[in-house]
Protein backbone atom coordinates (compact mmCIF):
# COMPACT_ATOMS: atom_id res chain seq x y z
CA MET A 1 136.85 77.34 -49.53
CA LEU A 2 139.31 76.13 -46.49
CA PHE A 3 139.93 79.73 -45.61
CA HIS A 4 135.98 80.57 -45.70
CA ARG A 5 135.56 77.32 -43.38
CA LYS A 6 138.23 78.60 -40.74
CA VAL A 7 136.76 82.11 -40.67
CA THR A 8 133.22 81.05 -39.94
CA LYS A 9 134.96 78.68 -37.39
CA ASN A 10 136.76 81.39 -35.82
CA ASN A 11 133.29 83.84 -36.06
CA GLU A 12 131.49 81.13 -34.01
CA ILE A 13 134.43 80.77 -31.35
CA ASN A 14 133.68 84.41 -31.17
CA GLN A 15 130.18 84.25 -30.85
CA ILE A 16 130.55 81.83 -28.05
CA ILE A 17 133.39 83.98 -26.07
CA LEU A 18 130.92 87.24 -26.41
CA LYS A 19 127.74 85.13 -25.26
CA LYS A 20 129.97 83.86 -22.23
CA MET A 21 131.27 87.22 -21.17
CA ARG A 22 127.99 88.94 -21.68
CA ASN A 23 126.44 86.50 -18.99
CA ILE A 24 129.53 86.89 -17.09
CA PHE A 25 128.72 90.77 -16.94
CA GLU A 26 125.35 90.67 -16.65
CA SER A 27 125.59 88.16 -13.36
CA ALA A 28 128.01 90.38 -11.79
CA SER A 29 125.75 93.48 -12.32
CA LYS A 30 123.00 91.26 -10.82
CA ILE A 31 125.01 90.39 -8.12
CA ARG A 32 126.16 94.19 -7.64
CA SER A 33 122.25 95.40 -7.42
CA PHE A 34 121.71 92.35 -5.09
CA GLY A 35 124.32 94.09 -2.94
CA ARG A 36 122.99 97.45 -3.18
CA ASN A 37 119.66 95.98 -2.40
CA ILE A 38 120.95 94.64 0.76
CA LYS A 39 122.91 97.64 1.93
CA GLU A 40 119.83 99.89 1.46
CA TYR A 41 117.64 96.69 3.66
CA ILE A 42 120.40 97.17 6.23
CA VAL A 43 120.13 101.02 6.46
CA GLY A 44 116.39 100.84 6.89
CA LEU A 45 116.38 98.19 9.82
CA LEU A 46 119.09 100.39 11.50
CA TYR A 47 116.71 103.05 11.11
CA LEU A 48 114.02 101.42 12.15
CA ILE A 49 115.85 100.21 15.27
CA HIS A 50 117.04 103.96 15.86
CA LEU A 51 113.16 105.36 15.73
CA TYR A 52 112.55 102.34 18.37
CA ALA A 53 115.41 103.02 20.43
CA LEU A 54 114.29 106.66 20.85
CA LYS A 55 110.94 105.90 21.32
CA ILE A 56 112.25 103.52 24.57
CA PHE A 57 114.62 106.24 25.44
CA ARG A 58 111.96 108.58 25.73
CA ASN A 59 109.36 106.45 27.82
CA PHE A 60 112.46 105.93 29.79
CA TYR A 61 113.09 109.50 30.45
CA ILE A 62 109.51 110.31 31.32
CA LEU A 63 109.55 107.45 34.24
CA CYS A 64 112.55 109.08 35.73
């Protein structure tokens, strides 16, 4: 009976540890995907700025 109680206690502890580890991994993957989204956003902004700069320079060359 004592052995059985000890095993169930260990199983409960293992379940708690697994849950915490799973939460840590999920939060890490969320942070990673958030970072990826930020990278895509920055690349998109740079592309828009690039297009806008080309437009300005084209107008500038036409004026000159």
